[in-house]
């Protein structure tokens, strides 16, 4: 596979070739005959409708100038902090990621509007460019992420669960990036530039520019979190809102729409080819039984699950240095996720951990995609300058990976809290009789108390839990009516 990558073969074709080779070696019947059906089923998957819609949202945001206004306001607000506009790079990247779903688009947009300030503000060039490259990676982790949709399809998990689980880790990683810049500029003040502070009246006048991205984030993620819409429906709502905002700001033109649609078609075609190839590879692995064999082999090593997980993380860190993120995800998810589930880990939690690992690969030389994007927009700096400035943020990502492994609740706590709340509401509104147990569940008295009360207990409906007492003492006495109450 590495040889084929070196020959510059398109990634989608490479994965299909890999699937055909595995089918020829391990299958007694021609699995490639199913390729046509797989292409049709993948292209008609309703979940994947969200991919072009989110990409088009980002294209319109980029071309309508909303991102530039957002960066300007973030710069005025965060300029007093040590590091100045480097905090704005991270904050604006987080906000733009919440509307575009693409790391490359985020890095390119923020680099375009931020790099002219490097010499004006006297910033350290490598660190400034590194903050843009690192901030751009947030497009993978912060909803609505296109990579999460692809992972959800390949791993057969809910896109909604992934989006909800990613909210806290995404905000935490942006905060860790900000603290990294703050710490560096406190110990090395000359790297933080000499940005002029804006007046309070200027900050207030610019605050309305933050409303569009926050409004779009609320529509997309809020509708998904509230159960109002699926990911595809939320993407459609977000696209309509983006068009409306661009029209209200008088920045919507026919030429801009055509350019945005052309960019969307190019990106979507590339993504869908890789996704279809991933579908075919998954089909081959499952049909030949290779996935079960790999899971059984790893289980037979008798390693503790956490050790196996750490080995997988190290392998991903190594592969991320020379493989593109989407390729890495499509080629390995069908193999790794069954192993993760067999080890007892939650596939949604691993999806969030996987996204952070993919973020790390985006700024890992020599193939880090956002490193090349930022360097192409600011050619005065070398690729080594961007990589050197990104290194502190790469360490921050490793810290985030450690936190997710040590504290899985960072990703699952918010999700499980939502599930408990939904179950409580459903149970509250679906009571059919008085014998049903209410929330919060009332514990029946202990054994001595039960014996004391049996003689004096009035005739009343017995709670459903009374026949399932753990101590075995709560047997319904004669004066209790256990028949269902109408």
Protein backbone atom coordinates (compact mmCIF):
# COMPACT_ATOMS: atom_id res chain seq x y z
CA UNK A 1 0.00 0.00 0.00
CA UNK A 2 2.86 2.39 0.81
CA UNK A 3 4.36 1.68 -2.62
CA UNK A 4 1.06 2.62 -4.29
CA UNK A 5 0.93 5.84 -2.26
CA UNK A 6 4.44 6.64 -3.46
CA UNK A 7 3.27 6.20 -7.06
CA UNK A 8 0.70 9.01 -6.51
CA UNK A 9 -2.28 6.77 -7.26
CA UNK A 10 -5.57 8.44 -6.18
CA UNK A 11 -6.53 7.35 -2.69
CA UNK A 12 -9.97 6.04 -3.63
CA UNK A 13 -8.54 3.86 -6.40
CA UNK A 14 -5.78 2.69 -4.06
CA UNK A 15 -8.26 1.44 -1.45
CA UNK A 16 -10.35 -0.34 -4.10
CA UNK A 17 -7.19 -2.04 -5.41
CA UNK A 18 -6.34 -3.10 -1.86
CA UNK A 19 -9.84 -4.55 -1.40
CA UNK A 20 -9.64 -6.48 -4.67
CA UNK A 21 -6.23 -7.88 -3.72
CA UNK A 22 -7.54 -9.07 -0.35
CA UNK A 23 -10.61 -10.59 -2.03
CA UNK A 24 -8.41 -12.48 -4.51
CA UNK A 25 -6.18 -13.85 -1.75
CA UNK A 26 -8.71 -14.77 0.93
CA UNK A 27 -12.04 -15.38 -0.85
CA UNK A 28 -13.08 -18.38 -2.92
CA UNK A 29 -15.63 -16.39 -4.94
CA UNK A 30 -15.30 -13.03 -6.76
CA UNK A 31 -16.30 -10.35 -4.26
CA UNK A 32 -15.63 -7.52 -6.72
CA UNK A 33 -18.88 -8.40 -8.50
CA UNK A 34 -20.63 -6.65 -5.60
CA UNK A 35 -18.82 -3.37 -6.27
CA UNK A 36 -21.71 -1.95 -8.33
CA UNK A 37 -24.25 -2.62 -5.58
CA UNK A 38 -21.88 -1.14 -3.00
CA UNK A 39 -21.43 2.04 -5.04
CA UNK A 40 -25.21 2.42 -5.32
CA UNK A 41 -25.88 1.79 -1.62
CA UNK A 42 -23.12 4.18 -0.55
CA UNK A 43 -24.21 6.96 -2.90
CA UNK A 44 -27.83 6.70 -1.71
CA UNK A 45 -27.04 6.61 2.02
CA UNK A 46 -29.15 9.37 3.63
CA UNK A 47 -26.49 10.10 6.26
CA UNK A 48 -23.95 11.07 3.60
CA UNK A 49 -26.28 13.77 2.25
CA UNK A 50 -24.91 15.96 5.05
CA UNK A 51 -21.40 15.92 3.55
CA UNK A 52 -21.99 18.20 0.49
CA UNK A 53 -24.37 20.39 2.49
CA UNK A 54 -21.80 21.12 5.20
CA UNK A 55 -19.08 21.67 2.60
CA UNK A 56 -21.32 24.14 0.75
CA UNK A 57 -21.98 25.96 4.03
CA UNK A 58 -18.26 26.46 4.50
CA UNK A 59 -17.78 27.61 0.90
CA UNK A 60 -20.48 30.27 1.25
CA UNK A 61 -19.09 31.40 4.62
CA UNK A 62 -15.65 31.74 3.04
CA UNK A 63 -16.78 33.68 -0.02
CA UNK A 64 -19.30 35.94 1.72
CA UNK A 65 -16.68 37.55 3.97
CA UNK A 66 -18.32 36.41 7.20
CA UNK A 67 -15.10 34.71 8.32
CA UNK A 68 -13.02 37.87 7.84
CA UNK A 69 -15.40 39.97 9.94
CA UNK A 70 -15.42 37.27 12.62
CA UNK A 71 -11.60 37.24 12.82
CA UNK A 72 -11.47 41.02 13.08
CA UNK A 73 -13.80 41.05 16.08
CA UNK A 74 -12.02 38.13 17.77
CA UNK A 75 -8.74 40.00 17.34
CA UNK A 76 -10.11 43.10 19.05
CA UNK A 77 -11.49 41.10 21.96
CA UNK A 78 -8.42 38.92 22.57
CA UNK A 79 -5.66 41.44 21.72
CA UNK A 80 -5.00 42.38 25.40
CA UNK A 81 -3.94 38.79 26.22
CA UNK A 82 -0.26 37.80 25.89
CA UNK A 83 -0.12 36.45 22.37
CA UNK A 84 -2.63 38.86 20.89
CA UNK A 85 -3.96 37.72 17.53
CA UNK A 86 -2.70 34.16 18.02
CA UNK A 87 -5.63 33.70 20.40
CA UNK A 88 -7.86 35.15 17.68
CA UNK A 89 -6.48 32.56 15.25
CA UNK A 90 -7.60 29.77 17.56
CA UNK A 91 -10.92 31.34 18.54
CA UNK A 92 -11.87 32.23 14.97
CA UNK A 93 -10.86 28.74 13.83
CA UNK A 94 -13.12 27.20 16.45
CA UNK A 95 -16.07 29.35 15.36
CA UNK A 96 -15.47 28.77 11.66
CA UNK A 97 -15.09 25.03 12.27
CA UNK A 98 -18.53 25.07 13.84
CA UNK A 99 -19.97 26.09 10.48
CA UNK A 100 -17.69 24.55 7.85
CA UNK A 101 -16.85 21.05 9.12
CA UNK A 102 -13.53 21.05 7.24
CA UNK A 103 -10.02 21.49 8.64
CA UNK A 104 -8.44 22.46 5.33
CA UNK A 105 -11.11 25.10 4.66
CA UNK A 106 -10.72 26.47 8.19
CA UNK A 107 -6.93 26.72 7.96
CA UNK A 108 -7.07 28.32 4.51
CA UNK A 109 -9.71 30.87 5.52
CA UNK A 110 -8.07 31.98 8.76
CA UNK A 111 -4.60 32.06 7.17
CA UNK A 112 -5.89 34.32 4.41
CA UNK A 113 -7.24 36.95 6.81
CA UNK A 114 -4.60 36.59 9.58
CA UNK A 115 -1.19 36.40 7.89
CA UNK A 116 -1.09 40.10 6.88
CA UNK A 117 -0.90 40.94 10.60
CA UNK A 118 2.34 39.00 11.25
CA UNK A 119 4.73 41.82 10.39
CA UNK A 120 2.37 44.59 11.48
CA UNK A 121 2.06 43.17 14.99
CA UNK A 122 5.67 42.01 15.31
CA UNK A 123 4.74 38.38 15.98
CA UNK A 124 7.07 35.41 15.93
CA UNK A 125 6.39 34.00 12.46
CA UNK A 126 6.69 30.24 13.19
CA UNK A 127 4.50 30.40 16.30
CA UNK A 128 1.89 32.58 14.58
CA UNK A 129 1.66 30.23 11.61
CA UNK A 130 1.65 27.24 13.97
CA UNK A 131 -1.38 28.65 15.79
CA UNK A 132 -3.23 28.92 12.46
CA UNK A 133 -2.33 25.35 11.46
CA UNK A 134 -3.33 23.98 14.87
CA UNK A 135 -6.55 25.99 14.96
CA UNK A 136 -7.44 24.66 11.52
CA UNK A 137 -7.37 21.09 12.82
CA UNK A 138 -10.37 21.88 15.04
CA UNK A 139 -12.54 21.42 11.95
CA UNK A 140 -12.21 17.65 12.42
CA UNK A 141 -13.33 17.64 16.06
CA UNK A 142 -15.87 20.44 16.43
CA UNK A 143 -19.33 19.67 14.96
CA UNK A 144 -20.38 19.64 12.18
CA UNK A 145 -17.34 17.59 11.16
CA UNK A 146 -17.36 15.83 7.80
CA UNK A 147 -14.82 13.31 9.10
CA UNK A 148 -17.21 12.33 11.90
CA UNK A 149 -19.93 11.58 9.36
CA UNK A 150 -17.57 9.29 7.45
CA UNK A 151 -16.48 7.57 10.67
CA UNK A 152 -20.11 7.12 11.73
CA UNK A 153 -20.95 5.44 8.42
CA UNK A 154 -17.92 3.13 8.52
CA UNK A 155 -18.22 2.27 12.23
CA UNK A 156 -22.04 2.05 12.23
CA UNK A 157 -22.55 4.55 15.05
CA UNK A 158 -24.88 7.53 15.38
CA UNK A 159 -23.74 10.84 13.90
CA UNK A 160 -25.83 12.61 16.53
CA UNK A 161 -24.04 10.78 19.35
CA UNK A 162 -20.66 11.67 17.87
CA UNK A 163 -21.57 15.34 17.53
CA UNK A 164 -22.86 15.55 21.09
CA UNK A 165 -19.83 13.69 22.48
CA UNK A 166 -17.43 16.01 20.61
CA UNK A 167 -18.71 19.31 22.05
CA UNK A 168 -16.79 19.23 25.34
CA UNK A 169 -13.51 17.79 23.95
CA UNK A 170 -13.58 20.29 21.08
CA UNK A 171 -13.97 23.27 23.40
CA UNK A 172 -11.36 21.82 25.78
CA UNK A 173 -8.81 21.40 23.00
CA UNK A 174 -9.35 24.99 21.84
CA UNK A 175 -8.84 26.11 25.46
CA UNK A 176 -5.64 24.03 25.74
CA UNK A 177 -4.33 25.67 22.55
CA UNK A 178 -5.07 29.08 24.04
CA UNK A 179 -3.31 28.19 27.29
CA UNK A 180 -0.31 26.97 25.27
CA UNK A 181 0.00 30.33 23.51
CA UNK A 182 -0.50 32.13 26.82
CA UNK A 183 2.24 30.15 28.57
CA UNK A 184 4.74 30.62 25.73
CA UNK A 185 4.13 34.36 25.48
CA UNK A 186 4.36 34.85 29.24
CA UNK A 187 7.79 33.21 29.37
CA UNK A 188 8.87 34.66 26.00
CA UNK A 189 7.10 38.05 25.70
CA UNK A 190 8.96 38.97 22.51
CA UNK A 191 7.11 36.18 20.66
CA UNK A 192 3.69 37.64 21.47
CA UNK A 193 3.91 40.75 19.31
CA UNK A 194 2.87 44.29 20.13
CA UNK A 195 -0.73 44.37 19.01
CA UNK A 196 -2.54 47.65 19.59
CA UNK A 197 -5.49 47.35 21.94
CA UNK A 198 -8.89 48.30 20.57
CA UNK A 199 -11.23 50.67 22.32
CA UNK A 200 -14.20 49.29 24.19
CA UNK A 201 -16.56 51.10 21.81
CA UNK A 202 -14.87 49.41 18.83
CA UNK A 203 -15.32 45.99 20.44
CA UNK A 204 -19.00 46.66 21.08
CA UNK A 205 -19.50 47.88 17.52
CA UNK A 206 -17.97 44.67 16.14
CA UNK A 207 -19.84 42.17 18.32
CA UNK A 208 -22.72 41.74 15.81
CA UNK A 209 -20.21 40.06 13.47
CA UNK A 210 -20.10 37.10 15.88
CA UNK A 211 -23.84 36.53 15.68
CA UNK A 212 -23.90 34.69 12.28
CA UNK A 213 -21.46 31.87 13.19
CA UNK A 214 -22.98 31.45 16.66
CA UNK A 215 -26.47 31.40 15.15
CA UNK A 216 -25.46 28.77 12.60
CA UNK A 217 -23.82 26.64 15.30
CA UNK A 218 -27.00 26.88 17.38
CA UNK A 219 -29.17 25.83 14.45
CA UNK A 220 -27.01 22.87 13.42
CA UNK A 221 -25.83 21.45 16.74
CA UNK A 222 -28.87 22.63 18.71
CA UNK A 223 -31.32 20.91 16.38
CA UNK A 224 -29.27 17.69 16.54
CA UNK A 225 -28.88 17.81 20.32
CA UNK A 226 -32.54 18.57 20.87
CA UNK A 227 -33.62 15.67 18.67
CA UNK A 228 -35.40 18.03 16.28
CA UNK A 229 -33.41 17.00 13.21
CA UNK A 230 -30.97 14.40 11.98
CA UNK A 231 -27.47 15.39 10.84
CA UNK A 232 -28.60 15.63 7.20
CA UNK A 233 -31.68 17.69 8.09
CA UNK A 234 -29.58 19.95 10.34
CA UNK A 235 -27.13 20.45 7.46
CA UNK A 236 -30.01 21.54 5.21
CA UNK A 237 -31.26 23.97 7.88
CA UNK A 238 -27.75 25.36 8.31
CA UNK A 239 -27.33 25.85 4.56
CA UNK A 240 -30.63 27.73 4.29
CA UNK A 241 -29.62 29.92 7.24
CA UNK A 242 -26.20 30.60 5.67
CA UNK A 243 -27.79 31.68 2.41
CA UNK A 244 -30.18 33.92 4.33
CA UNK A 245 -27.36 35.55 6.32
CA UNK A 246 -25.30 36.16 3.18
CA UNK A 247 -28.35 37.69 1.46
CA UNK A 248 -29.12 39.96 4.42
CA UNK A 249 -25.52 41.19 4.41
CA UNK A 250 -25.85 41.88 0.63
CA UNK A 251 -22.97 39.55 -0.17
CA UNK A 252 -24.92 36.90 -2.05
CA UNK A 253 -24.42 36.94 -5.81
CA UNK A 254 -24.96 34.49 -8.64
CA UNK A 255 -21.23 34.31 -9.35
CA UNK A 256 -20.46 33.54 -5.71
CA UNK A 257 -23.06 30.74 -5.63
CA UNK A 258 -21.62 29.20 -8.81
CA UNK A 259 -18.07 29.30 -7.41
CA UNK A 260 -19.22 27.82 -4.09
CA UNK A 261 -21.07 25.00 -5.87
CA UNK A 262 -18.05 24.22 -8.06
CA UNK A 263 -15.78 24.01 -5.01
CA UNK A 264 -18.35 21.83 -3.25
CA UNK A 265 -18.60 19.43 -6.18
CA UNK A 266 -14.83 19.00 -6.38
CA UNK A 267 -14.48 18.30 -2.66
CA UNK A 268 -17.56 16.07 -2.49
CA UNK A 269 -16.42 13.98 -5.46
CA UNK A 270 -13.09 13.32 -3.76
CA UNK A 271 -14.70 12.47 -0.41
CA UNK A 272 -17.39 10.21 -1.89
CA UNK A 273 -14.88 8.24 -3.97
CA UNK A 274 -12.91 7.51 -0.80
CA UNK A 275 -16.10 6.64 1.12
CA UNK A 276 -17.26 4.21 -1.59
CA UNK A 277 -13.81 2.62 -1.53
CA UNK A 278 -14.09 2.32 2.25
CA UNK A 279 -17.48 0.61 1.89
CA UNK A 280 -15.94 -1.93 -0.49
CA UNK A 281 -12.97 -2.57 1.81
CA UNK A 282 -15.33 -3.07 4.77
CA UNK A 283 -17.40 -5.54 2.72
CA UNK A 284 -14.29 -7.52 1.74
CA UNK A 285 -12.94 -7.64 5.30
CA UNK A 286 -16.25 -8.83 6.72
CA UNK A 287 -16.94 -11.35 3.93
CA UNK A 288 -13.52 -12.97 4.18
CA UNK A 289 -13.59 -13.07 7.98
CA UNK A 290 -10.36 -11.08 8.28
CA UNK A 291 -11.89 -8.70 10.82
CA UNK A 292 -12.85 -11.54 13.16
CA UNK A 293 -9.43 -13.15 12.72
CA UNK A 294 -7.66 -9.92 13.63
CA UNK A 295 -9.91 -9.41 16.68
CA UNK A 296 -9.32 -13.01 17.81
CA UNK A 297 -5.57 -12.69 17.33
CA UNK A 298 -5.38 -9.51 19.38
CA UNK A 299 -7.62 -11.00 22.08
CA UNK A 300 -5.32 -14.04 22.20
CA UNK A 301 -2.31 -11.88 23.02
CA UNK A 302 -3.69 -11.61 26.56
CA UNK A 303 -2.72 -7.95 26.91
CA UNK A 304 -4.79 -5.71 29.20
CA UNK A 305 -7.28 -3.67 27.13
CA UNK A 306 -5.60 -0.39 28.04
CA UNK A 307 -2.23 -1.67 26.79
CA UNK A 308 -3.79 -2.74 23.49
CA UNK A 309 -5.46 0.66 23.20
CA UNK A 310 -2.15 2.46 23.77
CA UNK A 311 -0.50 0.31 21.11
CA UNK A 312 -3.26 1.28 18.65
CA UNK A 313 -2.78 4.96 19.54
CA UNK A 314 0.98 4.73 18.92
CA UNK A 315 0.38 3.01 15.57
CA UNK A 316 -1.99 5.81 14.54
CA UNK A 317 0.54 8.47 15.55
CA UNK A 318 3.14 6.74 13.38
CA UNK A 319 0.79 6.27 10.39
CA UNK A 320 -0.37 9.88 10.66
CA UNK A 321 3.08 11.15 9.76
CA UNK A 322 2.83 9.93 6.16
CA UNK A 323 -0.88 9.22 5.47
CA UNK A 324 -3.65 11.71 4.72
CA UNK A 325 -6.38 11.81 7.38
CA UNK A 326 -9.34 10.62 5.30
CA UNK A 327 -7.25 7.83 3.81
CA UNK A 328 -6.06 6.76 7.25
CA UNK A 329 -9.60 6.72 8.59
CA UNK A 330 -11.20 4.83 5.70
CA UNK A 331 -8.40 2.27 5.47
CA UNK A 332 -8.23 1.43 9.18
CA UNK A 333 -11.69 1.99 10.69
CA UNK A 334 -13.19 -1.30 9.40
CA UNK A 335 -10.29 -3.17 11.03
CA UNK A 336 -9.76 -1.26 14.26
CA UNK A 337 -13.31 -0.52 15.44
CA UNK A 338 -14.32 -4.22 15.83
CA UNK A 339 -11.15 -4.70 17.89
CA UNK A 340 -12.01 -1.69 20.06
CA UNK A 341 -15.54 -3.00 20.66
CA UNK A 342 -14.18 -6.47 21.49
CA UNK A 343 -11.90 -4.88 24.09
CA UNK A 344 -14.95 -3.34 25.78
CA UNK A 345 -14.49 0.29 24.73
CA UNK A 346 -17.31 2.52 23.50
CA UNK A 347 -17.07 3.11 19.70
CA UNK A 348 -18.41 6.66 20.14
CA UNK A 349 -15.69 7.45 22.69
CA UNK A 350 -13.07 5.92 20.40
CA UNK A 351 -14.43 8.04 17.55
CA UNK A 352 -13.66 11.21 19.51
CA UNK A 353 -10.21 9.89 20.42
CA UNK A 354 -9.69 8.99 16.76
CA UNK A 355 -10.58 12.54 15.66
CA UNK A 356 -7.90 13.99 17.96
CA UNK A 357 -5.38 11.51 16.54
CA UNK A 358 -6.35 12.65 13.04
CA UNK A 359 -5.89 16.26 14.15
CA UNK A 360 -2.38 15.41 15.28
CA UNK A 361 -1.63 13.91 11.87
CA UNK A 362 -2.66 17.17 10.18
CA UNK A 363 0.27 19.02 11.80
CA UNK A 364 2.75 16.12 11.86
CA UNK A 365 5.54 16.52 9.31
CA UNK A 366 6.28 15.57 6.63
CA UNK A 367 2.70 15.04 5.29
CA UNK A 368 0.71 17.36 7.59
CA UNK A 369 -1.98 18.81 5.33
CA UNK A 370 -2.63 22.06 7.21
CA UNK A 371 1.12 22.73 7.32
CA UNK A 372 1.18 22.82 3.51
CA UNK A 373 -2.01 24.90 3.32
CA UNK A 374 -0.68 27.59 5.67
CA UNK A 375 2.74 27.64 4.01
CA UNK A 376 1.15 27.98 0.56
CA UNK A 377 -0.83 31.03 1.69
CA UNK A 378 2.25 32.60 3.36
CA UNK A 379 5.12 31.58 1.03
CA UNK A 380 7.61 33.87 2.82
CA UNK A 381 7.93 31.15 5.47
CA UNK A 382 9.26 27.66 4.87
CA UNK A 383 7.47 24.42 5.65
CA UNK A 384 9.98 23.90 8.47
CA UNK A 385 8.91 27.22 10.05
CA UNK A 386 5.27 26.14 10.11
CA UNK A 387 6.15 22.68 11.45
CA UNK A 388 8.37 24.18 14.16
CA UNK A 389 5.63 26.57 15.25
CA UNK A 390 3.09 23.73 15.34
CA UNK A 391 5.16 21.52 17.64
CA UNK A 392 3.86 23.03 20.95
CA UNK A 393 0.29 22.46 19.76
CA UNK A 394 1.14 18.87 18.80
CA UNK A 395 2.21 18.33 22.42
CA UNK A 396 -1.12 19.87 23.49
CA UNK A 397 -2.96 17.30 21.36
CA UNK A 398 -1.05 14.48 23.05
CA UNK A 399 -2.16 15.94 26.40
CA UNK A 400 -5.77 15.88 25.17
CA UNK A 401 -5.37 12.26 24.05
CA UNK A 402 -4.13 11.36 27.53
CA UNK A 403 -7.06 13.17 29.15
CA UNK A 404 -9.59 11.32 26.97
CA UNK A 405 -8.04 7.96 27.85
CA UNK A 406 -7.81 8.76 31.56
CA UNK A 407 -11.24 10.41 31.78
CA UNK A 408 -13.66 8.94 29.19
CA UNK A 409 -16.45 11.00 30.76
CA UNK A 410 -15.07 14.07 28.98
CA UNK A 411 -16.59 12.64 25.80
CA UNK A 412 -19.35 10.41 27.15
CA UNK A 413 -20.58 12.41 30.16
CA UNK A 414 -22.53 14.96 28.16
CA UNK A 415 -23.94 12.23 25.91
CA UNK A 416 -25.01 9.96 28.77
CA UNK A 417 -26.52 12.91 30.63
CA UNK A 418 -28.65 13.69 27.60
CA UNK A 419 -29.76 10.05 27.32
CA UNK A 420 -30.76 9.92 30.99
CA UNK A 421 -32.72 13.14 30.60
CA UNK A 422 -34.56 11.85 27.54
CA UNK A 423 -35.40 8.56 29.26
CA UNK A 424 -36.73 10.43 32.30
CA UNK A 425 -38.96 12.62 30.12
CA UNK A 426 -40.24 9.65 28.13
CA UNK A 427 -41.03 7.73 31.31
CA UNK A 428 -42.73 10.77 32.83
CA UNK A 429 -45.09 11.24 29.89
CA UNK A 430 -45.84 7.57 29.24
CA UNK A 431 -47.22 6.52 32.62
CA UNK A 432 -50.22 4.32 32.11
CA UNK A 433 -51.14 3.31 35.65
CA UNK A 434 -50.35 4.07 39.25
CA UNK A 435 -48.52 0.80 39.70
CA UNK A 436 -45.70 2.00 37.40
CA UNK A 437 -42.46 2.96 39.12
CA UNK A 438 -41.87 6.70 39.08
CA UNK A 439 -38.61 8.60 38.57
CA UNK A 440 -36.58 9.04 40.65
CA UNK A 441 -37.09 5.42 41.75
CA UNK A 442 -38.37 5.14 45.35
CA UNK A 443 -36.61 2.44 47.33
CA UNK A 444 -38.89 0.20 49.39
CA UNK A 445 -38.13 -0.01 53.13
CA UNK A 446 -35.61 -2.51 54.43
CA UNK A 447 -36.58 -5.95 55.79
CA UNK A 448 -37.24 -5.00 59.46
CA UNK A 449 -39.39 -2.06 58.43
CA UNK A 450 -41.36 -4.28 56.05
CA UNK A 451 -42.17 -6.75 58.81
CA UNK A 452 -43.28 -4.04 61.18
CA UNK A 453 -45.62 -2.49 58.60
CA UNK A 454 -47.30 -5.64 57.31
CA UNK A 455 -49.90 -5.82 60.02
CA UNK A 456 -50.92 -2.19 59.87
CA UNK A 457 -50.61 -1.57 56.15
CA UNK A 458 -53.87 -0.30 54.60
CA UNK A 459 -55.32 -1.68 51.40
CA UNK A 460 -53.50 0.17 48.61
CA UNK A 461 -51.91 -0.55 45.23
CA UNK A 462 -48.55 -2.28 45.58
CA UNK A 463 -45.57 -0.70 43.82
CA UNK A 464 -44.16 -2.78 40.98
CA UNK A 465 -40.80 -3.04 42.76
CA UNK A 466 -42.34 -4.74 45.80
CA UNK A 467 -42.31 -8.16 44.15
CA UNK A 468 -38.66 -7.74 43.15
CA UNK A 469 -37.19 -6.85 46.53
CA UNK A 470 -33.51 -7.77 46.67
CA UNK A 471 -33.77 -9.08 50.25
CA UNK A 472 -36.82 -11.25 49.45
CA UNK A 473 -38.80 -9.88 52.40
CA UNK A 474 -41.24 -7.73 50.47
CA UNK A 475 -43.86 -10.35 49.62
CA UNK A 476 -47.23 -8.67 49.07
CA UNK A 477 -49.32 -9.25 52.22
CA UNK A 478 -52.99 -10.13 52.10
CA UNK A 479 -54.24 -6.60 52.61
CA UNK A 480 -52.32 -5.28 49.59
CA UNK A 481 -54.11 -5.16 46.28
CA UNK A 482 -51.61 -6.23 43.59
CA UNK A 483 -54.05 -6.04 40.70
CA UNK A 484 -53.39 -3.26 38.14
CA UNK A 485 -55.14 -0.01 38.89
CA UNK A 486 -57.42 1.09 36.02
